[in-house]
Amino acid sequence: MNFCRYSVRTAMLIIFGLVTLTANAEHLNDAINVESATNHAAIQSQKKIDKLSDKTRKMLEKYRTATHQTDTLKIYNKHLQDLLSSQQVEKESLQQQLMDIETTQREIVPLILRMLDSLEKFIALDLPFLPHERQERLTKLKDMITRADVTNAEKFRRIIEAYQVENDYGNTIEAYRADLSVAGVSSSVDFLRLGRVALYYQRFDGSETGYWDKESSQWQILSDDYRHSIRNGLRIARKETAPDLLTLPIPAAEAGR
């Protein structure tokens, strides 16, 4: 009986142990499953976090790029505004210049005509040196004035050039050859021009020397005493000899008006 009781207790203990082991195994499996589920959830969460982190990083990069572009556009827009302001000022200036040009165009034509008329009168009253060259310059200017294909600016420039040429005559000496008619006798002679002060001539053989008399507007013959001085003056003007003092008749200066 004792043995039977012992066997029963042993069997009950074994059964209880098996039940306990089974229960523990189930708890362990449940714990493992929970842990596995937790790990899986953690992995999924981490993946979500990583995705969110990448998305956040990309959004941050886009934000920074957009901010940089915005700043760049602001600077560029400011530059364009400055350009527009400058162009507006330039536009107003050009409009004013166009108005001034219209006024100038109306005024410059009469000015050119007056300047040409004054130049013609000045040459007519001046010493008669280089008559053909100076008259040809006047003729070309008159023809140019009536040409429609020449701008007023070009006409004005050519008139100024002619004035400059005439002005330069007063600061230079010159020797040249041309035909001259005196007392009905025409021949080629050497002319000596001293600025606009005096104009002399001498025949090639030195047989006759004269000068232009402003008062009578005629050529006057000089005595042979001036033959050598005129010859030296011609050589100086041609740069064939060094400058030197010359004894020549000079018209008296006119009183200022």
C-alpha atoms as a PDB file:
ATOM      1  CA  MET A   1       0.000   0.000   0.000  1.00  0.00           C
ATOM      2  CA  ASN A   2       2.825   2.319   0.842  1.00  0.00           C
ATOM      3  CA  PHE A   3       4.482   1.470  -2.451  1.00  0.00           C
ATOM      4  CA  CYS A   4       1.324   2.178  -4.301  1.00  0.00           C
ATOM      5  CA  ARG A   5       0.951   5.496  -2.543  1.00  0.00           C
ATOM      6  CA  TYR A   6       4.498   6.313  -3.343  1.00  0.00           C
ATOM      7  CA  SER A   7       4.017   5.431  -6.948  1.00  0.00           C
ATOM      8  CA  VAL A   8       0.893   7.525  -7.112  1.00  0.00           C
ATOM      9  CA  ARG A   9       2.645  10.481  -5.544  1.00  0.00           C
ATOM     10  CA  THR A  10       5.551  10.007  -7.894  1.00  0.00           C
ATOM     11  CA  ALA A  11       3.235   9.832 -10.826  1.00  0.00           C
ATOM     12  CA  MET A  12       1.392  12.894  -9.636  1.00  0.00           C
ATOM     13  CA  LEU A  13       4.669  14.738  -9.205  1.00  0.00           C
ATOM     14  CA  ILE A  14       5.731  13.725 -12.670  1.00  0.00           C
ATOM     15  CA  ILE A  15       2.384  14.756 -14.054  1.00  0.00           C
ATOM     16  CA  PHE A  16       2.556  18.013 -12.116  1.00  0.00           C
ATOM     17  CA  GLY A  17       6.099  18.546 -13.351  1.00  0.00           C
ATOM     18  CA  LEU A  18       5.067  17.838 -16.867  1.00  0.00           C
ATOM     19  CA  VAL A  19       2.155  20.185 -16.479  1.00  0.00           C
ATOM     20  CA  THR A  20       4.465  22.759 -14.969  1.00  0.00           C
ATOM     21  CA  LEU A  21       7.042  22.278 -17.740  1.00  0.00           C
ATOM     22  CA  THR A  22       4.303  22.535 -20.287  1.00  0.00           C
ATOM     23  CA  ALA A  23       2.995  25.681 -18.688  1.00  0.00           C
ATOM     24  CA  ASN A  24       6.508  27.125 -18.447  1.00  0.00           C
ATOM     25  CA  ALA A  25       7.166  26.166 -22.036  1.00  0.00           C
ATOM     26  CA  GLU A  26       4.043  27.920 -23.065  1.00  0.00           C
ATOM     27  CA  HIS A  27       5.014  30.972 -21.054  1.00  0.00           C
ATOM     28  CA  LEU A  28       8.484  30.844 -22.626  1.00  0.00           C
ATOM     29  CA  ASN A  29       7.027  30.536 -26.065  1.00  0.00           C
ATOM     30  CA  ASP A  30       4.730  33.410 -25.290  1.00  0.00           C
ATOM     31  CA  ALA A  31       7.710  35.443 -24.052  1.00  0.00           C
ATOM     32  CA  ILE A  32       9.704  34.528 -27.141  1.00  0.00           C
ATOM     33  CA  ASN A  33       6.791  35.412 -29.348  1.00  0.00           C
ATOM     34  CA  VAL A  34       6.343  38.695 -27.523  1.00  0.00           C
ATOM     35  CA  GLU A  35      10.049  39.438 -27.805  1.00  0.00           C
ATOM     36  CA  SER A  36      10.022  38.503 -31.450  1.00  0.00           C
ATOM     37  CA  ALA A  37       6.971  40.640 -32.031  1.00  0.00           C
ATOM     38  CA  THR A  38       8.577  43.450 -30.088  1.00  0.00           C
ATOM     39  CA  ASN A  39      11.788  43.156 -32.140  1.00  0.00           C
ATOM     40  CA  HIS A  40       9.799  43.016 -35.324  1.00  0.00           C
ATOM     41  CA  ALA A  41       7.830  46.054 -34.255  1.00  0.00           C
ATOM     42  CA  ALA A  42      11.045  47.783 -33.281  1.00  0.00           C
ATOM     43  CA  ILE A  43      12.543  46.960 -36.682  1.00  0.00           C
ATOM     44  CA  GLN A  44       9.451  48.254 -38.426  1.00  0.00           C
ATOM     45  CA  SER A  45       9.468  51.343 -36.253  1.00  0.00           C
ATOM     46  CA  GLN A  46      13.164  51.907 -36.996  1.00  0.00           C
ATOM     47  CA  LYS A  47      12.467  51.529 -40.682  1.00  0.00           C
ATOM     48  CA  LYS A  48       9.684  54.058 -40.371  1.00  0.00           C
ATOM     49  CA  ILE A  49      11.994  56.329 -38.403  1.00  0.00           C
ATOM     50  CA  ASP A  50      14.717  55.901 -41.048  1.00  0.00           C
ATOM     51  CA  LYS A  51      12.219  56.666 -43.781  1.00  0.00           C
ATOM     52  CA  LEU A  52      10.965  59.660 -41.857  1.00  0.00           C
ATOM     53  CA  SER A  53      14.577  60.724 -41.218  1.00  0.00           C
ATOM     54  CA  ASP A  54      15.426  60.465 -44.933  1.00  0.00           C
ATOM     55  CA  LYS A  55      12.239  62.295 -45.805  1.00  0.00           C
ATOM     56  CA  THR A  56      12.996  64.948 -43.220  1.00  0.00           C
ATOM     57  CA  ARG A  57      16.570  65.293 -44.485  1.00  0.00           C
ATOM     58  CA  LYS A  58      15.381  65.594 -48.079  1.00  0.00           C
ATOM     59  CA  MET A  59      12.763  68.128 -47.033  1.00  0.00           C
ATOM     60  CA  LEU A  60      15.436  70.050 -45.136  1.00  0.00           C
ATOM     61  CA  GLU A  61      17.681  70.030 -48.188  1.00  0.00           C
ATOM     62  CA  LYS A  62      14.786  71.212 -50.341  1.00  0.00           C
ATOM     63  CA  TYR A  63      14.032  73.940 -47.809  1.00  0.00           C
ATOM     64  CA  ARG A  64      17.636  75.097 -47.756  1.00  0.00           C
ATOM     65  CA  THR A  65      17.761  75.029 -51.567  1.00  0.00           C
ATOM     66  CA  ALA A  66      14.500  76.959 -51.773  1.00  0.00           C
ATOM     67  CA  THR A  67      15.753  79.457 -49.199  1.00  0.00           C
ATOM     68  CA  HIS A  68      19.001  79.951 -51.150  1.00  0.00           C
ATOM     69  CA  GLN A  69      17.085  80.383 -54.397  1.00  0.00           C
ATOM     70  CA  THR A  70      14.760  82.838 -52.704  1.00  0.00           C
ATOM     71  CA  ASP A  71      17.688  84.896 -51.431  1.00  0.00           C
ATOM     72  CA  THR A  72      19.299  84.761 -54.875  1.00  0.00           C
ATOM     73  CA  LEU A  73      16.067  85.855 -56.542  1.00  0.00           C
ATOM     74  CA  LYS A  74      15.682  88.708 -54.065  1.00  0.00           C
ATOM     75  CA  ILE A  75      19.182  89.944 -54.866  1.00  0.00           C
ATOM     76  CA  TYR A  76      18.566  89.547 -58.608  1.00  0.00           C
ATOM     77  CA  ASN A  77      15.213  91.322 -58.374  1.00  0.00           C
ATOM     78  CA  LYS A  78      16.881  94.178 -56.496  1.00  0.00           C
ATOM     79  CA  HIS A  79      19.471  94.382 -59.250  1.00  0.00           C
ATOM     80  CA  LEU A  80      16.741  94.430 -61.900  1.00  0.00           C
ATOM     81  CA  GLN A  81      14.932  97.187 -60.035  1.00  0.00           C
ATOM     82  CA  ASP A  82      18.131  99.234 -59.961  1.00  0.00           C
ATOM     83  CA  LEU A  83      18.593  98.599 -63.692  1.00  0.00           C
ATOM     84  CA  LEU A  84      15.029  99.634 -64.411  1.00  0.00           C
ATOM     85  CA  SER A  85      15.490 102.810 -62.392  1.00  0.00           C
ATOM     86  CA  SER A  86      18.719 103.567 -64.243  1.00  0.00           C
ATOM     87  CA  GLN A  87      17.080 102.834 -67.598  1.00  0.00           C
ATOM     88  CA  GLN A  88      14.193 105.099 -66.719  1.00  0.00           C
ATOM     89  CA  VAL A  89      16.623 107.920 -65.951  1.00  0.00           C
ATOM     90  CA  GLU A  90      18.482 107.201 -69.187  1.00  0.00           C
ATOM     91  CA  LYS A  91      15.213 107.123 -71.107  1.00  0.00           C
ATOM     92  CA  GLU A  92      14.215 110.523 -69.757  1.00  0.00           C
ATOM     93  CA  SER A  93      17.675 111.855 -70.588  1.00  0.00           C
ATOM     94  CA  LEU A  94      17.465 110.515 -74.159  1.00  0.00           C
ATOM     95  CA  GLN A  95      14.006 111.992 -74.601  1.00  0.00           C
ATOM     96  CA  GLN A  96      15.347 115.360 -73.493  1.00  0.00           C
ATOM     97  CA  GLN A  97      18.310 114.983 -75.830  1.00  0.00           C
ATOM     98  CA  LEU A  98      15.979 114.182 -78.718  1.00  0.00           C
ATOM     99  CA  MET A  99      14.020 117.323 -77.974  1.00  0.00           C
ATOM    100  CA  ASP A 100      17.282 119.283 -77.823  1.00  0.00           C
ATOM    101  CA  ILE A 101      18.412 117.713 -81.105  1.00  0.00           C
ATOM    102  CA  GLU A 102      15.226 118.823 -82.822  1.00  0.00           C
ATOM    103  CA  THR A 103      15.868 122.336 -81.589  1.00  0.00           C
ATOM    104  CA  THR A 104      19.522 122.125 -82.622  1.00  0.00           C
ATOM    105  CA  GLN A 105      18.583 120.814 -86.078  1.00  0.00           C
ATOM    106  CA  ARG A 106      16.409 123.870 -86.613  1.00  0.00           C
ATOM    107  CA  GLU A 107      19.152 126.194 -85.455  1.00  0.00           C
ATOM    108  CA  ILE A 108      22.245 124.584 -86.968  1.00  0.00           C
ATOM    109  CA  VAL A 109      21.240 125.016 -90.627  1.00  0.00           C
ATOM    110  CA  PRO A 110      21.037 128.821 -90.430  1.00  0.00           C
ATOM    111  CA  LEU A 111      24.290 128.779 -88.452  1.00  0.00           C
ATOM    112  CA  ILE A 112      26.048 126.730 -91.150  1.00  0.00           C
ATOM    113  CA  LEU A 113      24.795 129.089 -93.863  1.00  0.00           C
ATOM    114  CA  ARG A 114      25.974 132.146 -91.914  1.00  0.00           C
ATOM    115  CA  MET A 115      29.372 130.566 -91.292  1.00  0.00           C
ATOM    116  CA  LEU A 116      29.783 129.715 -94.977  1.00  0.00           C
ATOM    117  CA  ASP A 117      28.801 133.240 -96.017  1.00  0.00           C
ATOM    118  CA  SER A 118      31.238 134.748 -93.494  1.00  0.00           C
ATOM    119  CA  LEU A 119      34.018 132.457 -94.718  1.00  0.00           C
ATOM    120  CA  GLU A 120      33.427 133.498 -98.311  1.00  0.00           C
ATOM    121  CA  LYS A 121      33.522 137.195 -97.424  1.00  0.00           C
ATOM    122  CA  PHE A 122      36.623 136.699 -95.297  1.00  0.00           C
ATOM    123  CA  ILE A 123      38.505 135.012 -98.150  1.00  0.00           C
ATOM    124  CA  ALA A 124      37.429 137.742-100.574  1.00  0.00           C
ATOM    125  CA  LEU A 125      38.856 140.431 -98.252  1.00  0.00           C
ATOM    126  CA  ASP A 126      41.999 138.460 -97.364  1.00  0.00           C
ATOM    127  CA  LEU A 127      45.368 138.389 -99.109  1.00  0.00           C
ATOM    128  CA  PRO A 128      44.954 136.701-102.519  1.00  0.00           C
ATOM    129  CA  PHE A 129      47.143 133.676-101.774  1.00  0.00           C
ATOM    130  CA  LEU A 130      46.270 130.204-103.063  1.00  0.00           C
ATOM    131  CA  PRO A 131      43.155 131.588-104.778  1.00  0.00           C
ATOM    132  CA  HIS A 132      42.298 128.442-106.742  1.00  0.00           C
ATOM    133  CA  GLU A 133      42.717 126.111-103.759  1.00  0.00           C
ATOM    134  CA  ARG A 134      40.663 128.275-101.434  1.00  0.00           C
ATOM    135  CA  GLN A 135      37.943 128.909-104.011  1.00  0.00           C
ATOM    136  CA  GLU A 136      37.716 125.210-104.764  1.00  0.00           C
ATOM    137  CA  ARG A 137      37.241 124.519-101.027  1.00  0.00           C
ATOM    138  CA  LEU A 138      34.420 127.072-100.932  1.00  0.00           C
ATOM    139  CA  THR A 139      32.751 125.577-104.002  1.00  0.00           C
ATOM    140  CA  LYS A 140      32.823 122.085-102.495  1.00  0.00           C
ATOM    141  CA  LEU A 141      31.324 123.401 -99.264  1.00  0.00           C
ATOM    142  CA  LYS A 142      28.500 125.154-101.137  1.00  0.00           C
ATOM    143  CA  ASP A 143      27.718 121.993-103.096  1.00  0.00           C
ATOM    144  CA  MET A 144      27.747 119.927 -99.896  1.00  0.00           C
ATOM    145  CA  ILE A 145      25.316 122.263 -98.113  1.00  0.00           C
ATOM    146  CA  THR A 146      22.537 121.438-100.601  1.00  0.00           C
ATOM    147  CA  ARG A 147      23.084 117.658-100.510  1.00  0.00           C
ATOM    148  CA  ALA A 148      20.388 115.672 -98.729  1.00  0.00           C
ATOM    149  CA  ASP A 149      22.634 112.627 -98.240  1.00  0.00           C
ATOM    150  CA  VAL A 150      25.033 114.564 -95.983  1.00  0.00           C
ATOM    151  CA  THR A 151      23.998 115.048 -92.365  1.00  0.00           C
ATOM    152  CA  ASN A 152      23.996 118.436 -90.726  1.00  0.00           C
ATOM    153  CA  ALA A 153      26.640 117.188 -88.314  1.00  0.00           C
ATOM    154  CA  GLU A 154      28.948 116.345 -91.232  1.00  0.00           C
ATOM    155  CA  LYS A 155      28.256 119.708 -92.864  1.00  0.00           C
ATOM    156  CA  PHE A 156      29.089 121.503 -89.645  1.00  0.00           C
ATOM    157  CA  ARG A 157      32.278 119.458 -89.244  1.00  0.00           C
ATOM    158  CA  ARG A 158      33.432 120.325 -92.766  1.00  0.00           C
ATOM    159  CA  ILE A 159      32.746 124.023 -92.171  1.00  0.00           C
ATOM    160  CA  ILE A 160      34.798 123.906 -88.966  1.00  0.00           C
ATOM    161  CA  GLU A 161      37.643 122.172 -90.846  1.00  0.00           C
ATOM    162  CA  ALA A 162      37.625 124.955 -93.434  1.00  0.00           C
ATOM    163  CA  TYR A 163      37.796 127.561 -90.665  1.00  0.00           C
ATOM    164  CA  GLN A 164      40.680 125.676 -89.096  1.00  0.00           C
ATOM    165  CA  VAL A 165      42.584 125.622 -92.387  1.00  0.00           C
ATOM    166  CA  GLU A 166      42.100 129.360 -92.776  1.00  0.00           C
ATOM    167  CA  ASN A 167      43.151 129.911 -89.189  1.00  0.00           C
ATOM    168  CA  ASP A 168      46.362 127.910 -89.721  1.00  0.00           C
ATOM    169  CA  TYR A 169      47.340 130.169 -92.615  1.00  0.00           C
ATOM    170  CA  GLY A 170      47.809 132.992 -90.125  1.00  0.00           C
ATOM    171  CA  ASN A 171      50.439 131.047 -88.159  1.00  0.00           C
ATOM    172  CA  THR A 172      52.676 129.790 -90.958  1.00  0.00           C
ATOM    173  CA  ILE A 173      54.939 130.973 -93.762  1.00  0.00           C
ATOM    174  CA  GLU A 174      54.668 129.389 -97.164  1.00  0.00           C
ATOM    175  CA  ALA A 175      56.376 129.380-100.558  1.00  0.00           C
ATOM    176  CA  TYR A 176      54.514 128.153-103.622  1.00  0.00           C
ATOM    177  CA  ARG A 177      54.412 128.660-107.385  1.00  0.00           C
ATOM    178  CA  ALA A 178      51.445 129.901-109.412  1.00  0.00           C
ATOM    179  CA  ASP A 179      50.552 132.128-112.324  1.00  0.00           C
ATOM    180  CA  LEU A 180      50.389 135.887-111.836  1.00  0.00           C
ATOM    181  CA  SER A 181      49.242 138.688-114.103  1.00  0.00           C
ATOM    182  CA  VAL A 182      50.834 142.117-113.516  1.00  0.00           C
ATOM    183  CA  ALA A 183      50.424 145.055-115.887  1.00  0.00           C
ATOM    184  CA  GLY A 184      48.929 142.733-118.489  1.00  0.00           C
ATOM    185  CA  VAL A 185      51.859 140.326-118.328  1.00  0.00           C
ATOM    186  CA  SER A 186      51.057 136.819-117.075  1.00  0.00           C
ATOM    187  CA  SER A 187      53.745 134.386-115.994  1.00  0.00           C
ATOM    188  CA  SER A 188      54.599 131.821-113.333  1.00  0.00           C
ATOM    189  CA  VAL A 189      56.212 133.269-110.237  1.00  0.00           C
ATOM    190  CA  ASP A 190      57.280 132.283-106.722  1.00  0.00           C
ATOM    191  CA  PHE A 191      54.980 133.506-103.947  1.00  0.00           C
ATOM    192  CA  LEU A 192      56.086 134.092-100.355  1.00  0.00           C
ATOM    193  CA  ARG A 193      53.366 134.314 -97.722  1.00  0.00           C
ATOM    194  CA  LEU A 194      54.133 135.521 -94.212  1.00  0.00           C
ATOM    195  CA  GLY A 195      51.073 134.427 -92.249  1.00  0.00           C
ATOM    196  CA  ARG A 196      48.370 136.893 -93.120  1.00  0.00           C
ATOM    197  CA  VAL A 197      50.661 139.855 -92.713  1.00  0.00           C
ATOM    198  CA  ALA A 198      52.145 140.110 -96.180  1.00  0.00           C
ATOM    199  CA  LEU A 199      52.256 138.390 -99.559  1.00  0.00           C
ATOM    200  CA  TYR A 200      55.182 138.771-101.972  1.00  0.00           C
ATOM    201  CA  TYR A 201      56.112 137.453-105.395  1.00  0.00           C
ATOM    202  CA  GLN A 202      59.292 137.123-107.391  1.00  0.00           C
ATOM    203  CA  ARG A 203      59.871 136.005-110.961  1.00  0.00           C
ATOM    204  CA  PHE A 204      62.020 132.931-111.437  1.00  0.00           C
ATOM    205  CA  ASP A 205      64.933 134.901-112.827  1.00  0.00           C
ATOM    206  CA  GLY A 206      64.673 137.499-110.061  1.00  0.00           C
ATOM    207  CA  SER A 207      64.007 140.245-112.553  1.00  0.00           C
ATOM    208  CA  GLU A 208      60.926 141.477-110.728  1.00  0.00           C
ATOM    209  CA  THR A 209      59.813 141.444-107.098  1.00  0.00           C
ATOM    210  CA  GLY A 210      56.575 142.815-105.688  1.00  0.00           C
ATOM    211  CA  TYR A 211      53.967 142.611-102.926  1.00  0.00           C
ATOM    212  CA  TRP A 212      50.218 142.848-102.447  1.00  0.00           C
ATOM    213  CA  ASP A 213      49.047 146.283-101.371  1.00  0.00           C
ATOM    214  CA  LYS A 214      45.920 145.920 -99.214  1.00  0.00           C
ATOM    215  CA  GLU A 215      44.919 149.578 -99.493  1.00  0.00           C
ATOM    216  CA  SER A 216      44.834 149.594-103.259  1.00  0.00           C
ATOM    217  CA  SER A 217      44.086 145.867-103.612  1.00  0.00           C
ATOM    218  CA  GLN A 218      46.769 145.664-106.266  1.00  0.00           C
ATOM    219  CA  TRP A 219      50.206 144.210-106.802  1.00  0.00           C
ATOM    220  CA  GLN A 220      52.999 146.719-106.338  1.00  0.00           C
ATOM    221  CA  ILE A 221      56.533 146.288-107.668  1.00  0.00           C
ATOM    222  CA  LEU A 222      59.353 146.552-105.155  1.00  0.00           C
ATOM    223  CA  SER A 223      62.801 147.936-105.752  1.00  0.00           C
ATOM    224  CA  ASP A 224      65.683 145.584-106.357  1.00  0.00           C
ATOM    225  CA  ASP A 225      66.834 146.252-102.775  1.00  0.00           C
ATOM    226  CA  TYR A 226      64.360 143.569-101.603  1.00  0.00           C
ATOM    227  CA  ARG A 227      65.265 140.966-104.207  1.00  0.00           C
ATOM    228  CA  HIS A 228      67.773 139.185-101.975  1.00  0.00           C
ATOM    229  CA  SER A 229      65.501 139.251 -98.889  1.00  0.00           C
ATOM    230  CA  ILE A 230      62.584 137.774-100.825  1.00  0.00           C
ATOM    231  CA  ARG A 231      64.835 135.063-102.231  1.00  0.00           C
ATOM    232  CA  ASN A 232      66.067 134.198 -98.741  1.00  0.00           C
ATOM    233  CA  GLY A 233      62.500 134.223 -97.475  1.00  0.00           C
ATOM    234  CA  LEU A 234      61.511 131.718-100.166  1.00  0.00           C
ATOM    235  CA  ARG A 235      64.398 129.439 -99.178  1.00  0.00           C
ATOM    236  CA  ILE A 236      63.458 129.664 -95.483  1.00  0.00           C
ATOM    237  CA  ALA A 237      59.812 128.846 -96.259  1.00  0.00           C
ATOM    238  CA  ARG A 238      60.947 125.807 -98.244  1.00  0.00           C
ATOM    239  CA  LYS A 239      63.231 124.821 -95.349  1.00  0.00           C
ATOM    240  CA  GLU A 240      66.258 125.005 -97.593  1.00  0.00           C
ATOM    241  CA  THR A 241      68.071 127.242 -95.133  1.00  0.00           C
ATOM    242  CA  ALA A 242      67.906 128.145 -91.470  1.00  0.00           C
ATOM    243  CA  PRO A 243      65.499 130.875 -90.312  1.00  0.00           C
ATOM    244  CA  ASP A 244      67.029 134.350 -90.418  1.00  0.00           C
ATOM    245  CA  LEU A 245      66.023 137.999 -90.126  1.00  0.00           C
ATOM    246  CA  LEU A 246      64.568 139.476 -93.294  1.00  0.00           C
ATOM    247  CA  THR A 247      64.255 143.116 -94.299  1.00  0.00           C
ATOM    248  CA  LEU A 248      60.889 143.408 -95.998  1.00  0.00           C
ATOM    249  CA  PRO A 249      58.163 146.042 -96.358  1.00  0.00           C
ATOM    250  CA  ILE A 250      55.281 145.262 -94.001  1.00  0.00           C
ATOM    251  CA  PRO A 251      51.858 146.908 -94.233  1.00  0.00           C
ATOM    252  CA  ALA A 252      51.016 149.108 -91.265  1.00  0.00           C
ATOM    253  CA  ALA A 253      48.692 147.548 -88.715  1.00  0.00           C
ATOM    254  CA  GLU A 254      45.079 148.608 -88.994  1.00  0.00           C
ATOM    255  CA  ALA A 255      43.479 150.377 -86.072  1.00  0.00           C
ATOM    256  CA  GLY A 256      41.094 148.227 -84.063  1.00  0.00           C
ATOM    257  CA  ARG A 257      37.399 148.851 -84.458  1.00  0.00           C
END
